[in-house]
Amino acid sequence: DPTFRTGDIVVVRKQSTVNSGDIAIVLVNGNEATVKEVKKSQAGITLIGHNVSVYTPHYYANDEIETLPVRVIGKVVEMRRKL
């Protein structure tokens, strides 16, 4: 599982949709960007952080996706870390 730490750099391909299971930059409520795994269902999406002891999964129903809004900014395609 990917883990992200302070100082890591992610390379993101700008796109407005991702597949279920992709890691993405997601903008929630117009001003809160987060890096999470996106799990899709017919009723909505769940954003899953890979450090579940700190970041519990958060579900957004389809109506919340539109009203908050919840928008995919892009797909994470690479992570770089300095040693």
C-alpha atoms as a PDB file:
ATOM      1  CA  ASP A   1       0.000   0.000   0.000  1.00  0.00           C
ATOM      2  CA  PRO A   2       1.273   3.467  -0.763  1.00  0.00           C
ATOM      3  CA  THR A   3       2.049   5.725   2.178  1.00  0.00           C
ATOM      4  CA  PHE A   4       2.690   9.420   1.989  1.00  0.00           C
ATOM      5  CA  ARG A   5       4.852  11.357   4.401  1.00  0.00           C
ATOM      6  CA  THR A   6       5.524  15.040   4.953  1.00  0.00           C
ATOM      7  CA  GLY A   7       7.932  16.187   2.258  1.00  0.00           C
ATOM      8  CA  ASP A   8       6.923  13.571  -0.311  1.00  0.00           C
ATOM      9  CA  ILE A   9       6.239  14.803  -3.813  1.00  0.00           C
ATOM     10  CA  VAL A  10       3.402  13.373  -5.879  1.00  0.00           C
ATOM     11  CA  VAL A  11       3.186  13.613  -9.640  1.00  0.00           C
ATOM     12  CA  VAL A  12      -0.413  14.058 -10.732  1.00  0.00           C
ATOM     13  CA  ARG A  13      -2.040  13.725 -14.143  1.00  0.00           C
ATOM     14  CA  LYS A  14      -4.799  16.320 -14.305  1.00  0.00           C
ATOM     15  CA  GLN A  15      -8.122  14.598 -15.008  1.00  0.00           C
ATOM     16  CA  SER A  16     -11.656  14.921 -13.674  1.00  0.00           C
ATOM     17  CA  THR A  17     -12.407  11.210 -13.263  1.00  0.00           C
ATOM     18  CA  VAL A  18     -10.521   8.188 -11.928  1.00  0.00           C
ATOM     19  CA  ASN A  19     -11.208   4.476 -11.682  1.00  0.00           C
ATOM     20  CA  SER A  20     -12.194   2.813  -8.440  1.00  0.00           C
ATOM     21  CA  GLY A  21      -8.991   1.944  -6.581  1.00  0.00           C
ATOM     22  CA  ASP A  22      -6.946   4.838  -8.001  1.00  0.00           C
ATOM     23  CA  ILE A  23      -5.102   7.277  -5.755  1.00  0.00           C
ATOM     24  CA  ALA A  24      -6.258  10.821  -6.524  1.00  0.00           C
ATOM     25  CA  ILE A  25      -6.160  14.429  -5.461  1.00  0.00           C
ATOM     26  CA  VAL A  26      -9.737  15.228  -4.468  1.00  0.00           C
ATOM     27  CA  LEU A  27     -11.118  18.667  -3.657  1.00  0.00           C
ATOM     28  CA  VAL A  28     -13.841  18.588  -1.002  1.00  0.00           C
ATOM     29  CA  ASN A  29     -16.099  21.562  -0.267  1.00  0.00           C
ATOM     30  CA  GLY A  30     -14.234  23.773  -2.711  1.00  0.00           C
ATOM     31  CA  ASN A  31     -11.155  24.316  -0.547  1.00  0.00           C
ATOM     32  CA  GLU A  32      -9.979  21.097   1.148  1.00  0.00           C
ATOM     33  CA  ALA A  33      -7.653  19.063  -1.093  1.00  0.00           C
ATOM     34  CA  THR A  34      -6.686  15.566  -0.027  1.00  0.00           C
ATOM     35  CA  VAL A  35      -4.724  12.601  -1.420  1.00  0.00           C
ATOM     36  CA  LYS A  36      -6.813   9.446  -1.033  1.00  0.00           C
ATOM     37  CA  GLU A  37      -7.717   6.165  -2.665  1.00  0.00           C
ATOM     38  CA  VAL A  38     -11.100   6.494  -4.375  1.00  0.00           C
ATOM     39  CA  LYS A  39     -13.555   3.606  -4.119  1.00  0.00           C
ATOM     40  CA  LYS A  40     -16.654   4.045  -6.253  1.00  0.00           C
ATOM     41  CA  SER A  41     -20.102   2.533  -5.830  1.00  0.00           C
ATOM     42  CA  GLN A  42     -23.443   3.240  -7.494  1.00  0.00           C
ATOM     43  CA  ALA A  43     -24.514   5.298  -4.460  1.00  0.00           C
ATOM     44  CA  GLY A  44     -21.364   7.432  -4.098  1.00  0.00           C
ATOM     45  CA  ILE A  45     -17.645   7.315  -3.365  1.00  0.00           C
ATOM     46  CA  THR A  46     -15.459   6.526  -0.373  1.00  0.00           C
ATOM     47  CA  LEU A  47     -12.147   8.305   0.140  1.00  0.00           C
ATOM     48  CA  ILE A  48      -9.665   6.037   1.894  1.00  0.00           C
ATOM     49  CA  GLY A  49      -6.440   7.185   3.499  1.00  0.00           C
ATOM     50  CA  HIS A  50      -3.803   4.511   3.844  1.00  0.00           C
ATOM     51  CA  ASN A  51      -3.081   5.476   7.438  1.00  0.00           C
ATOM     52  CA  VAL A  52      -6.485   4.457   8.806  1.00  0.00           C
ATOM     53  CA  SER A  53      -5.400   5.025  12.408  1.00  0.00           C
ATOM     54  CA  VAL A  54      -5.230   8.745  11.580  1.00  0.00           C
ATOM     55  CA  TYR A  55      -7.564   9.141   8.591  1.00  0.00           C
ATOM     56  CA  THR A  56     -10.749   7.109   8.702  1.00  0.00           C
ATOM     57  CA  PRO A  57     -12.475   6.405   5.362  1.00  0.00           C
ATOM     58  CA  HIS A  58     -15.079   9.007   4.462  1.00  0.00           C
ATOM     59  CA  TYR A  59     -18.131   8.231   2.327  1.00  0.00           C
ATOM     60  CA  TYR A  60     -19.911  10.797   0.142  1.00  0.00           C
ATOM     61  CA  ALA A  61     -23.339  10.000  -1.338  1.00  0.00           C
ATOM     62  CA  ASN A  62     -24.063  11.105  -4.903  1.00  0.00           C
ATOM     63  CA  ASP A  63     -26.120  14.088  -3.718  1.00  0.00           C
ATOM     64  CA  GLU A  64     -23.248  15.250  -1.444  1.00  0.00           C
ATOM     65  CA  ILE A  65     -20.809  14.954  -4.356  1.00  0.00           C
ATOM     66  CA  GLU A  66     -22.897  17.540  -6.196  1.00  0.00           C
ATOM     67  CA  THR A  67     -23.814  19.866  -3.326  1.00  0.00           C
ATOM     68  CA  LEU A  68     -20.512  20.102  -1.393  1.00  0.00           C
ATOM     69  CA  PRO A  69     -18.978  19.618  -4.094  1.00  0.00           C
ATOM     70  CA  VAL A  70     -16.489  16.724  -4.202  1.00  0.00           C
ATOM     71  CA  ARG A  71     -14.287  16.922  -7.316  1.00  0.00           C
ATOM     72  CA  VAL A  72     -11.376  14.863  -8.597  1.00  0.00           C
ATOM     73  CA  ILE A  73      -8.458  17.121  -9.554  1.00  0.00           C
ATOM     74  CA  GLY A  74      -6.185  14.401 -10.897  1.00  0.00           C
ATOM     75  CA  LYS A  75      -4.750  10.907 -10.616  1.00  0.00           C
ATOM     76  CA  VAL A  76      -1.524  10.311  -8.701  1.00  0.00           C
ATOM     77  CA  VAL A  77       0.848   8.580 -11.119  1.00  0.00           C
ATOM     78  CA  GLU A  78       4.110   8.750  -9.149  1.00  0.00           C
ATOM     79  CA  MET A  79       5.439   9.449  -5.666  1.00  0.00           C
ATOM     80  CA  ARG A  80       8.959  10.665  -4.921  1.00  0.00           C
ATOM     81  CA  ARG A  81      10.700  10.630  -1.570  1.00  0.00           C
ATOM     82  CA  LYS A  82      14.111  11.916  -0.593  1.00  0.00           C
ATOM     83  CA  LEU A  83      16.145   9.558   1.538  1.00  0.00           C
END
